[in-house]
């Protein structure tokens, strides 16, 4: 499976991981990146995982959100660390 992540996803994840933005801000930045990416290709790998965990966060009751946010941070950390192959 291709674990490379579009740089726009990494750009959205880094401020969230550094504590400079909230989950709400990350969600907005992530969805803006997704809109741009999906004009050219479908999401893949960790991009889908982040999409899914953000959807889970939206649907989760407040008491369970900390666990979902922890999982979101782990996925975002993996996404931020991924290497993107430059496509011609």
PDB file of N, CA and C in Angstrom:
ATOM      1  N   UNK A   1       0.829  -1.170   0.000  1.00  0.00           N
ATOM      2  CA  UNK A   1       0.000   0.000   0.000  1.00  0.00           C
ATOM      3  C   UNK A   1       0.880   1.241   0.000  1.00  0.00           C
ATOM      4  N   UNK A   2       0.491   2.236  -0.764  1.00  0.00           N
ATOM      5  CA  UNK A   2       1.221   3.493  -0.849  1.00  0.00           C
ATOM      6  C   UNK A   2       0.918   4.314   0.402  1.00  0.00           C
ATOM      7  N   UNK A   3       1.933   4.570   1.206  1.00  0.00           N
ATOM      8  CA  UNK A   3       1.741   5.339   2.433  1.00  0.00           C
ATOM      9  C   UNK A   3       2.134   6.800   2.261  1.00  0.00           C
ATOM     10  N   UNK A   4       2.436   7.228   1.040  1.00  0.00           N
ATOM     11  CA  UNK A   4       2.756   8.634   0.855  1.00  0.00           C
ATOM     12  C   UNK A   4       1.487   9.458   1.034  1.00  0.00           C
ATOM     13  N   UNK A   5       1.667  10.649   1.550  1.00  0.00           N
ATOM     14  CA  UNK A   5       0.555  11.554   1.834  1.00  0.00           C
ATOM     15  C   UNK A   5       0.821  12.859   1.106  1.00  0.00           C
ATOM     16  N   UNK A   6      -0.215  13.392   0.514  1.00  0.00           N
ATOM     17  CA  UNK A   6      -0.088  14.662  -0.188  1.00  0.00           C
ATOM     18  C   UNK A   6       0.441  15.732   0.782  1.00  0.00           C
ATOM     19  N   UNK A   7       1.345  16.585   0.323  1.00  0.00           N
ATOM     20  CA  UNK A   7       1.914  17.612   1.195  1.00  0.00           C
ATOM     21  C   UNK A   7       0.860  18.527   1.828  1.00  0.00           C
ATOM     22  N   UNK A   8      -0.263  18.715   1.175  1.00  0.00           N
ATOM     23  CA  UNK A   8      -1.315  19.568   1.748  1.00  0.00           C
ATOM     24  C   UNK A   8      -1.921  18.930   2.991  1.00  0.00           C
ATOM     25  N   UNK A   9      -1.959  17.617   3.037  1.00  0.00           N
ATOM     26  CA  UNK A   9      -2.428  16.918   4.240  1.00  0.00           C
ATOM     27  C   UNK A   9      -1.406  17.097   5.356  1.00  0.00           C
ATOM     28  N   UNK A  10      -0.129  16.937   5.011  1.00  0.00           N
ATOM     29  CA  UNK A  10       0.923  17.146   6.016  1.00  0.00           C
ATOM     30  C   UNK A  10       0.910  18.584   6.514  1.00  0.00           C
ATOM     31  N   UNK A  11       0.686  19.528   5.629  1.00  0.00           N
ATOM     32  CA  UNK A  11       0.628  20.941   6.038  1.00  0.00           C
ATOM     33  C   UNK A  11      -0.526  21.202   7.000  1.00  0.00           C
ATOM     34  N   UNK A  12      -1.620  20.480   6.836  1.00  0.00           N
ATOM     35  CA  UNK A  12      -2.754  20.617   7.757  1.00  0.00           C
ATOM     36  C   UNK A  12      -2.457  19.938   9.092  1.00  0.00           C
ATOM     37  N   UNK A  13      -1.739  18.810   9.045  1.00  0.00           N
ATOM     38  CA  UNK A  13      -1.479  18.024  10.248  1.00  0.00           C
ATOM     39  C   UNK A  13      -0.444  18.662  11.177  1.00  0.00           C
ATOM     40  N   UNK A  14       0.579  19.284  10.618  1.00  0.00           N
ATOM     41  CA  UNK A  14       1.675  19.791  11.458  1.00  0.00           C
ATOM     42  C   UNK A  14       1.232  20.790  12.523  1.00  0.00           C
ATOM     43  N   UNK A  15       0.470  21.840  12.193  1.00  0.00           N
ATOM     44  CA  UNK A  15       0.051  22.763  13.251  1.00  0.00           C
ATOM     45  C   UNK A  15      -0.803  22.089  14.324  1.00  0.00           C
ATOM     46  N   UNK A  16      -1.618  21.116  13.922  1.00  0.00           N
ATOM     47  CA  UNK A  16      -2.424  20.356  14.877  1.00  0.00           C
ATOM     48  C   UNK A  16      -1.517  19.567  15.815  1.00  0.00           C
ATOM     49  N   UNK A  17      -0.525  18.893  15.266  1.00  0.00           N
ATOM     50  CA  UNK A  17       0.390  18.103  16.080  1.00  0.00           C
ATOM     51  C   UNK A  17       1.248  18.974  17.000  1.00  0.00           C
ATOM     52  N   UNK A  18       1.530  20.184  16.566  1.00  0.00           N
ATOM     53  CA  UNK A  18       2.342  21.110  17.360  1.00  0.00           C
ATOM     54  C   UNK A  18       1.511  21.872  18.388  1.00  0.00           C
ATOM     55  N   UNK A  19       0.202  21.618  18.416  1.00  0.00           N
ATOM     56  CA  UNK A  19      -0.668  22.277  19.381  1.00  0.00           C
ATOM     57  C   UNK A  19      -1.024  23.707  19.019  1.00  0.00           C
ATOM     58  N   UNK A  20      -0.761  24.093  17.783  1.00  0.00           N
ATOM     59  CA  UNK A  20      -1.063  25.464  17.355  1.00  0.00           C
ATOM     60  C   UNK A  20      -2.486  25.612  16.840  1.00  0.00           C
ATOM     61  N   UNK A  21      -3.152  24.488  16.531  1.00  0.00           N
ATOM     62  CA  UNK A  21      -4.536  24.536  16.076  1.00  0.00           C
ATOM     63  C   UNK A  21      -5.345  23.471  16.813  1.00  0.00           C
ATOM     64  N   UNK A  22      -6.638  23.689  16.852  1.00  0.00           N
ATOM     65  CA  UNK A  22      -7.555  22.757  17.500  1.00  0.00           C
ATOM     66  C   UNK A  22      -7.979  21.670  16.515  1.00  0.00           C
ATOM     67  N   UNK A  23      -8.737  20.710  17.016  1.00  0.00           N
ATOM     68  CA  UNK A  23      -9.292  19.680  16.137  1.00  0.00           C
ATOM     69  C   UNK A  23     -10.202  20.338  15.104  1.00  0.00           C
ATOM     70  N   UNK A  24     -10.986  21.317  15.525  1.00  0.00           N
ATOM     71  CA  UNK A  24     -11.876  22.007  14.579  1.00  0.00           C
ATOM     72  C   UNK A  24     -11.095  22.694  13.470  1.00  0.00           C
ATOM     73  N   UNK A  25     -10.007  23.351  13.834  1.00  0.00           N
ATOM     74  CA  UNK A  25      -9.172  23.999  12.815  1.00  0.00           C
ATOM     75  C   UNK A  25      -8.546  22.951  11.891  1.00  0.00           C
ATOM     76  N   UNK A  26      -8.050  21.878  12.485  1.00  0.00           N
ATOM     77  CA  UNK A  26      -7.461  20.800  11.691  1.00  0.00           C
ATOM     78  C   UNK A  26      -8.493  20.226  10.729  1.00  0.00           C
ATOM     79  N   UNK A  27      -9.703  19.999  11.227  1.00  0.00           N
ATOM     80  CA  UNK A  27     -10.764  19.466  10.366  1.00  0.00           C
ATOM     81  C   UNK A  27     -10.986  20.378   9.159  1.00  0.00           C
ATOM     82  N   UNK A  28     -11.050  21.691   9.388  1.00  0.00           N
ATOM     83  CA  UNK A  28     -11.239  22.627   8.282  1.00  0.00           C
ATOM     84  C   UNK A  28     -10.083  22.613   7.303  1.00  0.00           C
ATOM     85  N   UNK A  29      -8.863  22.622   7.824  1.00  0.00           N
ATOM     86  CA  UNK A  29      -7.675  22.601   6.969  1.00  0.00           C
ATOM     87  C   UNK A  29      -7.584  21.283   6.199  1.00  0.00           C
ATOM     88  N   UNK A  30      -7.904  20.188   6.882  1.00  0.00           N
ATOM     89  CA  UNK A  30      -7.871  18.873   6.241  1.00  0.00           C
ATOM     90  C   UNK A  30      -8.894  18.803   5.114  1.00  0.00           C
ATOM     91  N   UNK A  31     -10.111  19.244   5.382  1.00  0.00           N
ATOM     92  CA  UNK A  31     -11.149  19.166   4.352  1.00  0.00           C
ATOM     93  C   UNK A  31     -10.835  20.068   3.154  1.00  0.00           C
ATOM     94  N   UNK A  32     -10.212  21.219   3.397  1.00  0.00           N
ATOM     95  CA  UNK A  32      -9.788  22.070   2.276  1.00  0.00           C
ATOM     96  C   UNK A  32      -8.747  21.339   1.429  1.00  0.00           C
ATOM     97  N   UNK A  33      -7.819  20.661   2.082  1.00  0.00           N
ATOM     98  CA  UNK A  33      -6.812  19.888   1.353  1.00  0.00           C
ATOM     99  C   UNK A  33      -7.465  18.749   0.574  1.00  0.00           C
ATOM    100  N   UNK A  34      -8.415  18.079   1.204  1.00  0.00           N
ATOM    101  CA  UNK A  34      -9.104  16.966   0.550  1.00  0.00           C
ATOM    102  C   UNK A  34      -9.824  17.443  -0.708  1.00  0.00           C
ATOM    103  N   UNK A  35     -10.482  18.571  -0.625  1.00  0.00           N
ATOM    104  CA  UNK A  35     -11.186  19.097  -1.799  1.00  0.00           C
ATOM    105  C   UNK A  35     -10.224  19.330  -2.955  1.00  0.00           C
ATOM    106  N   UNK A  36      -9.055  19.868  -2.659  1.00  0.00           N
ATOM    107  CA  UNK A  36      -8.069  20.118  -3.711  1.00  0.00           C
ATOM    108  C   UNK A  36      -7.497  18.812  -4.261  1.00  0.00           C
ATOM    109  N   UNK A  37      -7.190  17.888  -3.380  1.00  0.00           N
ATOM    110  CA  UNK A  37      -6.581  16.618  -3.794  1.00  0.00           C
ATOM    111  C   UNK A  37      -7.529  15.809  -4.655  1.00  0.00           C
ATOM    112  N   UNK A  38      -8.782  15.725  -4.226  1.00  0.00           N
ATOM    113  CA  UNK A  38      -9.728  14.841  -4.911  1.00  0.00           C
ATOM    114  C   UNK A  38     -10.195  15.383  -6.256  1.00  0.00           C
ATOM    115  N   UNK A  39      -9.752  16.549  -6.628  1.00  0.00           N
ATOM    116  CA  UNK A  39      -9.987  17.023  -7.993  1.00  0.00           C
ATOM    117  C   UNK A  39      -9.131  16.226  -8.975  1.00  0.00           C
ATOM    118  N   UNK A  40      -8.001  15.699  -8.476  1.00  0.00           N
ATOM    119  CA  UNK A  40      -7.048  14.980  -9.331  1.00  0.00           C
ATOM    120  C   UNK A  40      -6.986  13.478  -9.087  1.00  0.00           C
ATOM    121  N   UNK A  41      -7.299  13.049  -7.864  1.00  0.00           N
ATOM    122  CA  UNK A  41      -7.183  11.624  -7.534  1.00  0.00           C
ATOM    123  C   UNK A  41      -7.976  11.339  -6.261  1.00  0.00           C
ATOM    124  N   UNK A  42      -8.282  10.065  -6.025  1.00  0.00           N
ATOM    125  CA  UNK A  42      -8.952   9.715  -4.768  1.00  0.00           C
ATOM    126  C   UNK A  42      -7.955   9.738  -3.604  1.00  0.00           C
ATOM    127  N   UNK A  43      -8.478   9.824  -2.410  1.00  0.00           N
ATOM    128  CA  UNK A  43      -7.631   9.700  -1.225  1.00  0.00           C
ATOM    129  C   UNK A  43      -7.103   8.278  -1.155  1.00  0.00           C
ATOM    130  N   UNK A  44      -6.004   8.114  -0.420  1.00  0.00           N
ATOM    131  CA  UNK A  44      -5.406   6.789  -0.281  1.00  0.00           C
ATOM    132  C   UNK A  44      -4.738   6.664   1.084  1.00  0.00           C
ATOM    133  N   UNK A  45      -4.615   5.447   1.540  1.00  0.00           N
ATOM    134  CA  UNK A  45      -3.859   5.115   2.749  1.00  0.00           C
ATOM    135  C   UNK A  45      -4.191   5.961   3.959  1.00  0.00           C
ATOM    136  N   UNK A  46      -3.174   6.626   4.476  1.00  0.00           N
ATOM    137  CA  UNK A  46      -3.326   7.434   5.686  1.00  0.00           C
ATOM    138  C   UNK A  46      -4.283   8.599   5.484  1.00  0.00           C
ATOM    139  N   UNK A  47      -4.411   9.076   4.269  1.00  0.00           N
ATOM    140  CA  UNK A  47      -5.369  10.154   3.987  1.00  0.00           C
ATOM    141  C   UNK A  47      -6.787   9.665   4.293  1.00  0.00           C
ATOM    142  N   UNK A  48      -7.096   8.445   3.889  1.00  0.00           N
ATOM    143  CA  UNK A  48      -8.407   7.858   4.175  1.00  0.00           C
ATOM    144  C   UNK A  48      -8.562   7.629   5.677  1.00  0.00           C
ATOM    145  N   UNK A  49      -7.498   7.162   6.314  1.00  0.00           N
ATOM    146  CA  UNK A  49      -7.555   6.932   7.760  1.00  0.00           C
ATOM    147  C   UNK A  49      -7.873   8.227   8.508  1.00  0.00           C
ATOM    148  N   UNK A  50      -7.251   9.324   8.096  1.00  0.00           N
ATOM    149  CA  UNK A  50      -7.541  10.611   8.731  1.00  0.00           C
ATOM    150  C   UNK A  50      -8.972  11.054   8.453  1.00  0.00           C
ATOM    151  N   UNK A  51      -9.423  10.878   7.231  1.00  0.00           N
ATOM    152  CA  UNK A  51     -10.797  11.217   6.874  1.00  0.00           C
ATOM    153  C   UNK A  51     -11.770  10.443   7.773  1.00  0.00           C
ATOM    154  N   UNK A  52     -11.511   9.154   7.933  1.00  0.00           N
ATOM    155  CA  UNK A  52     -12.378   8.311   8.745  1.00  0.00           C
ATOM    156  C   UNK A  52     -12.370   8.713  10.218  1.00  0.00           C
ATOM    157  N   UNK A  53     -11.196   8.966  10.773  1.00  0.00           N
ATOM    158  CA  UNK A  53     -11.125   9.305  12.196  1.00  0.00           C
ATOM    159  C   UNK A  53     -11.744  10.681  12.461  1.00  0.00           C
ATOM    160  N   UNK A  54     -11.638  11.600  11.520  1.00  0.00           N
ATOM    161  CA  UNK A  54     -12.320  12.891  11.694  1.00  0.00           C
ATOM    162  C   UNK A  54     -13.830  12.711  11.663  1.00  0.00           C
ATOM    163  N   UNK A  55     -14.316  11.830  10.802  1.00  0.00           N
ATOM    164  CA  UNK A  55     -15.741  11.527  10.787  1.00  0.00           C
ATOM    165  C   UNK A  55     -16.186  10.879  12.091  1.00  0.00           C
ATOM    166  N   UNK A  56     -15.351   9.993  12.614  1.00  0.00           N
ATOM    167  CA  UNK A  56     -15.665   9.361  13.898  1.00  0.00           C
ATOM    168  C   UNK A  56     -15.695  10.405  15.005  1.00  0.00           C
ATOM    169  N   UNK A  57     -14.742  11.339  14.998  1.00  0.00           N
ATOM    170  CA  UNK A  57     -14.705  12.408  16.002  1.00  0.00           C
ATOM    171  C   UNK A  57     -15.998  13.223  15.965  1.00  0.00           C
ATOM    172  N   UNK A  58     -16.459  13.541  14.759  1.00  0.00           N
ATOM    173  CA  UNK A  58     -17.685  14.318  14.623  1.00  0.00           C
ATOM    174  C   UNK A  58     -18.891  13.577  15.202  1.00  0.00           C
ATOM    175  N   UNK A  59     -18.913  12.258  15.077  1.00  0.00           N
ATOM    176  CA  UNK A  59     -20.063  11.465  15.488  1.00  0.00           C
ATOM    177  C   UNK A  59     -19.977  10.965  16.935  1.00  0.00           C
ATOM    178  N   UNK A  60     -18.850  11.151  17.584  1.00  0.00           N
ATOM    179  CA  UNK A  60     -18.615  10.591  18.914  1.00  0.00           C
ATOM    180  C   UNK A  60     -19.117  11.533  20.000  1.00  0.00           C
ATOM    181  N   UNK A  61     -19.683  10.944  21.038  1.00  0.00           N
ATOM    182  CA  UNK A  61     -20.108  11.752  22.177  1.00  0.00           C
ATOM    183  C   UNK A  61     -18.879  12.322  22.879  1.00  0.00           C
ATOM    184  N   UNK A  62     -19.083  13.437  23.547  1.00  0.00           N
ATOM    185  CA  UNK A  62     -17.980  14.207  24.134  1.00  0.00           C
ATOM    186  C   UNK A  62     -17.100  13.359  25.050  1.00  0.00           C
ATOM    187  N   UNK A  63     -17.686  12.484  25.838  1.00  0.00           N
ATOM    188  CA  UNK A  63     -16.911  11.690  26.791  1.00  0.00           C
ATOM    189  C   UNK A  63     -15.910  10.767  26.109  1.00  0.00           C
ATOM    190  N   UNK A  64     -16.182  10.358  24.881  1.00  0.00           N
ATOM    191  CA  UNK A  64     -15.302   9.419  24.184  1.00  0.00           C
ATOM    192  C   UNK A  64     -14.340  10.117  23.225  1.00  0.00           C
ATOM    193  N   UNK A  65     -14.483  11.414  23.060  1.00  0.00           N
ATOM    194  CA  UNK A  65     -13.640  12.131  22.099  1.00  0.00           C
ATOM    195  C   UNK A  65     -12.153  12.099  22.419  1.00  0.00           C
ATOM    196  N   UNK A  66     -11.732  12.163  23.692  1.00  0.00           N
ATOM    197  CA  UNK A  66     -10.282  12.122  23.944  1.00  0.00           C
ATOM    198  C   UNK A  66      -9.600  10.893  23.338  1.00  0.00           C
ATOM    199  N   UNK A  67     -10.255   9.738  23.398  1.00  0.00           N
ATOM    200  CA  UNK A  67      -9.670   8.534  22.795  1.00  0.00           C
ATOM    201  C   UNK A  67      -9.579   8.668  21.281  1.00  0.00           C
ATOM    202  N   UNK A  68     -10.600   9.241  20.679  1.00  0.00           N
ATOM    203  CA  UNK A  68     -10.599   9.428  19.228  1.00  0.00           C
ATOM    204  C   UNK A  68      -9.517  10.432  18.841  1.00  0.00           C
ATOM    205  N   UNK A  69      -9.352  11.490  19.629  1.00  0.00           N
ATOM    206  CA  UNK A  69      -8.327  12.498  19.336  1.00  0.00           C
ATOM    207  C   UNK A  69      -6.935  11.877  19.470  1.00  0.00           C
ATOM    208  N   UNK A  70      -6.746  11.009  20.456  1.00  0.00           N
ATOM    209  CA  UNK A  70      -5.447  10.324  20.573  1.00  0.00           C
ATOM    210  C   UNK A  70      -5.146   9.513  19.318  1.00  0.00           C
ATOM    211  N   UNK A  71      -6.139   8.779  18.825  1.00  0.00           N
ATOM    212  CA  UNK A  71      -5.961   8.000  17.596  1.00  0.00           C
ATOM    213  C   UNK A  71      -5.712   8.929  16.409  1.00  0.00           C
ATOM    214  N   UNK A  72      -6.439  10.060  16.381  1.00  0.00           N
ATOM    215  CA  UNK A  72      -6.257  11.044  15.312  1.00  0.00           C
ATOM    216  C   UNK A  72      -4.824  11.580  15.315  1.00  0.00           C
ATOM    217  N   UNK A  73      -4.295  11.860  16.481  1.00  0.00           N
ATOM    218  CA  UNK A  73      -2.912  12.348  16.570  1.00  0.00           C
ATOM    219  C   UNK A  73      -1.914  11.309  16.073  1.00  0.00           C
ATOM    220  N   UNK A  74      -2.138  10.050  16.406  1.00  0.00           N
ATOM    221  CA  UNK A  74      -1.227   8.990  15.932  1.00  0.00           C
ATOM    222  C   UNK A  74      -1.244   8.907  14.407  1.00  0.00           C
ATOM    223  N   UNK A  75      -2.432   8.948  13.832  1.00  0.00           N
ATOM    224  CA  UNK A  75      -2.531   8.873  12.367  1.00  0.00           C
ATOM    225  C   UNK A  75      -1.929  10.121  11.735  1.00  0.00           C
ATOM    226  N   UNK A  76      -2.220  11.288  12.315  1.00  0.00           N
ATOM    227  CA  UNK A  76      -1.672  12.547  11.789  1.00  0.00           C
ATOM    228  C   UNK A  76      -0.152  12.553  11.881  1.00  0.00           C
ATOM    229  N   UNK A  77       0.386  11.999  12.960  1.00  0.00           N
ATOM    230  CA  UNK A  77       1.847  11.925  13.111  1.00  0.00           C
ATOM    231  C   UNK A  77       2.449  11.043  12.016  1.00  0.00           C
ATOM    232  N   UNK A  78       1.812   9.907  11.738  1.00  0.00           N
ATOM    233  CA  UNK A  78       2.285   9.041  10.654  1.00  0.00           C
ATOM    234  C   UNK A  78       2.177   9.749   9.307  1.00  0.00           C
ATOM    235  N   UNK A  79       1.081  10.471   9.111  1.00  0.00           N
ATOM    236  CA  UNK A  79       0.887  11.195   7.847  1.00  0.00           C
ATOM    237  C   UNK A  79       1.933  12.291   7.691  1.00  0.00           C
ATOM    238  N   UNK A  80       2.215  13.012   8.758  1.00  0.00           N
ATOM    239  CA  UNK A  80       3.197  14.099   8.695  1.00  0.00           C
ATOM    240  C   UNK A  80       4.596  13.562   8.435  1.00  0.00           C
ATOM    241  N   UNK A  81       4.851  12.337   8.868  1.00  0.00           N
ATOM    242  CA  UNK A  81       6.181  11.743   8.677  1.00  0.00           C
ATOM    243  C   UNK A  81       6.344  11.050   7.341  1.00  0.00           C
ATOM    244  N   UNK A  82       5.244  10.878   6.612  1.00  0.00           N
ATOM    245  CA  UNK A  82       5.321  10.134   5.347  1.00  0.00           C
ATOM    246  C   UNK A  82       6.090  10.927   4.303  1.00  0.00           C
ATOM    247  N   UNK A  83       6.653  10.189   3.389  1.00  0.00           N
ATOM    248  CA  UNK A  83       7.378  10.812   2.278  1.00  0.00           C
ATOM    249  C   UNK A  83       6.472  10.843   1.069  1.00  0.00           C
ATOM    250  N   UNK A  84       6.426  11.971   0.428  1.00  0.00           N
ATOM    251  CA  UNK A  84       5.588  12.116  -0.771  1.00  0.00           C
ATOM    252  C   UNK A  84       6.476  12.008  -1.996  1.00  0.00           C
ATOM    253  N   UNK A  85       6.095  11.116  -2.879  1.00  0.00           N
ATOM    254  CA  UNK A  85       6.820  11.005  -4.136  1.00  0.00           C
ATOM    255  C   UNK A  85       6.283  12.051  -5.083  1.00  0.00           C
ATOM    256  N   UNK A  86       7.167  12.831  -5.649  1.00  0.00           N
ATOM    257  CA  UNK A  86       6.749  13.871  -6.575  1.00  0.00           C
ATOM    258  C   UNK A  86       6.273  13.220  -7.851  1.00  0.00           C
ATOM    259  N   UNK A  87       5.038  13.554  -8.220  1.00  0.00           N
ATOM    260  CA  UNK A  87       4.467  12.993  -9.458  1.00  0.00           C
ATOM    261  C   UNK A  87       4.748  13.931 -10.608  1.00  0.00           C
ATOM    262  N   UNK A  88       5.079  13.398 -11.786  1.00  0.00           N
ATOM    263  CA  UNK A  88       5.394  14.258 -12.930  1.00  0.00           C
ATOM    264  C   UNK A  88       4.192  15.054 -13.388  1.00  0.00           C
TER     265      UNK A  88
END
